[in-house]
Every structure is written in C-alpha cells, then in structure tokens.
C-alpha cells in the first residue's frame, strides 16, 4: 500500500461558472479543497457531487465550499464519501479577475 497522495484537479483556474469532468477516485477518505483568487472582493460556491456511475448529472451533494474574501479564500474538508465518481459545479462566481481551482485528494 502506497502512502503517496493522489490529487485530482477538477477545476483549474476557472473564470466562469461551469461543471467539471467526472473523476474516478480510487480511495477513501478523501479531502476536497477549493480556492479562489482575484482582485478586491471575490466570491464563489463549489458544490461537490458523488455518484456510483460515470456521469455529471443527478449526483448527490457531499460537500459545499463557499469562498469569499478580499483577494482570495480557501476551504478544505475531509469527507468519508463512498462514491467512486466525483464531479463539482462552480456557481455564483464574481469579482475582478476571479478564478477558482477545485481538487480532490486521497
């Protein structure tokens, strides 16, 4: 068994509301992280979904990251979600030069 962490970047510097691809996550527990950068006040919501099949609709919410700050913010959460497939949706993105990155690690 390896002690190395695997990181799956679902969104990488995204500058518009969107949905990520679906990643097959090979282990548990997992950590979800989202961060936002920008100029002045920036805001966004990243919702993480899990499902048992490879799809990007009708998943079940297992974590939500509300990002808000002057110049940036970061959230991280350890989850016991048992879903093999995970995707996220970015909504409510606002602020000058706002960009969001979201990832899952195991």
Protein backbone atom coordinates (compact mmCIF):
# COMPACT_ATOMS: atom_id res chain seq x y z
CA UNK A 1 0.00 0.00 0.00
CA UNK A 2 1.39 3.35 -1.03
CA UNK A 3 1.44 6.35 1.30
CA UNK A 4 1.55 8.78 -1.61
CA UNK A 5 -1.28 11.27 -2.02
CA UNK A 6 -3.12 11.35 -5.33
CA UNK A 7 -4.62 14.69 -6.35
CA UNK A 8 -7.38 15.07 -8.92
CA UNK A 9 -7.86 18.65 -10.12
CA UNK A 10 -11.48 19.08 -11.17
CA UNK A 11 -11.34 22.81 -11.93
CA UNK A 12 -8.10 24.67 -12.68
CA UNK A 13 -8.17 28.47 -12.60
CA UNK A 14 -11.71 28.59 -13.98
CA UNK A 15 -13.04 32.09 -14.65
CA UNK A 16 -16.72 31.35 -15.40
CA UNK A 17 -19.47 29.27 -13.80
CA UNK A 18 -19.16 25.69 -15.07
CA UNK A 19 -19.22 22.00 -14.32
CA UNK A 20 -16.13 19.82 -14.05
CA UNK A 21 -15.45 16.47 -15.63
CA UNK A 22 -16.12 13.33 -13.55
CA UNK A 23 -13.11 11.75 -11.85
CA UNK A 24 -12.82 8.13 -10.75
CA UNK A 25 -11.47 8.39 -7.20
CA UNK A 26 -9.64 5.23 -6.08
CA UNK A 27 -9.62 5.58 -2.30
CA UNK A 28 -11.14 6.86 0.92
CA UNK A 29 -11.21 9.01 2.95
CA UNK A 30 -10.78 11.96 0.68
CA UNK A 31 -10.15 15.67 1.06
CA UNK A 32 -11.88 18.26 -1.08
CA UNK A 33 -10.31 21.68 -1.48
CA UNK A 34 -11.38 24.80 -3.33
CA UNK A 35 -9.69 28.15 -3.60
CA UNK A 36 -10.38 31.44 -5.29
CA UNK A 37 -8.01 34.21 -6.29
CA UNK A 38 -8.66 37.62 -7.74
CA UNK A 39 -8.55 41.34 -7.18
CA UNK A 40 -10.62 43.01 -4.46
CA UNK A 41 -13.72 41.10 -3.27
CA UNK A 42 -14.15 37.65 -4.87
CA UNK A 43 -16.89 35.09 -4.25
CA UNK A 44 -17.91 31.64 -5.48
CA UNK A 45 -19.62 28.42 -4.45
CA UNK A 46 -18.20 25.00 -5.38
CA UNK A 47 -20.51 22.04 -4.80
CA UNK A 48 -19.03 18.53 -4.87
CA UNK A 49 -21.19 15.62 -6.02
CA UNK A 50 -20.73 11.86 -5.84
CA UNK A 51 -22.29 9.06 -7.85
CA UNK A 52 -21.89 5.36 -8.50
CA UNK A 53 -21.67 5.67 -12.29
CA UNK A 54 -19.58 7.88 -14.57
CA UNK A 55 -21.90 10.85 -15.11
CA UNK A 56 -22.12 14.58 -14.47
CA UNK A 57 -25.81 14.84 -13.59
CA UNK A 58 -28.03 13.76 -10.71
CA UNK A 59 -25.17 13.17 -8.27
CA UNK A 60 -25.59 13.52 -4.53
CA UNK A 61 -24.10 16.54 -2.76
CA UNK A 62 -21.46 15.55 -0.21
CA UNK A 63 -19.59 18.86 0.27
CA UNK A 64 -20.06 22.56 -0.46
CA UNK A 65 -17.31 25.18 -0.39
CA UNK A 66 -18.40 28.80 -0.01
CA UNK A 67 -15.50 31.03 -0.99
CA UNK A 68 -15.41 34.74 -0.17
CA UNK A 69 -12.64 37.18 0.54
CA UNK A 70 -10.64 40.20 -0.42
CA UNK A 71 -8.15 38.85 -2.94
CA UNK A 72 -8.87 35.20 -2.23
CA UNK A 73 -10.08 32.42 0.04
CA UNK A 74 -9.60 28.68 0.52
CA UNK A 75 -11.68 25.87 2.05
CA UNK A 76 -10.83 22.25 2.72
CA UNK A 77 -12.83 19.38 4.14
CA UNK A 78 -12.14 15.72 4.90
CA UNK A 79 -15.03 13.57 3.66
CA UNK A 80 -15.99 9.97 4.14
CA UNK A 81 -17.99 9.95 0.90
CA UNK A 82 -18.08 6.45 -0.54
CA UNK A 83 -18.77 7.41 -4.15
CA UNK A 84 -16.31 6.18 -6.76
CA UNK A 85 -17.12 9.04 -9.17
CA UNK A 86 -16.92 12.70 -8.19
CA UNK A 87 -17.55 15.97 -10.01
CA UNK A 88 -18.15 19.55 -8.95
CA UNK A 89 -20.12 22.56 -10.11
CA UNK A 90 -18.95 26.16 -9.77
CA UNK A 91 -21.68 28.77 -9.28
CA UNK A 92 -22.02 32.37 -8.10
CA UNK A 93 -18.55 33.35 -9.32
CA UNK A 94 -17.99 37.08 -9.02
CA UNK A 95 -15.22 39.60 -8.59
CA UNK A 96 -12.47 41.16 -10.65
CA UNK A 97 -10.11 38.54 -12.10
CA UNK A 98 -11.85 35.81 -10.02
CA UNK A 99 -10.52 32.31 -10.76
CA UNK A 100 -11.36 29.06 -8.95
CA UNK A 101 -9.46 25.80 -8.57
CA UNK A 102 -11.07 22.73 -7.00
CA UNK A 103 -9.47 19.39 -6.28
CA UNK A 104 -9.91 16.06 -4.53
CA UNK A 105 -7.08 14.16 -2.86
CA UNK A 106 -6.84 10.64 -1.46
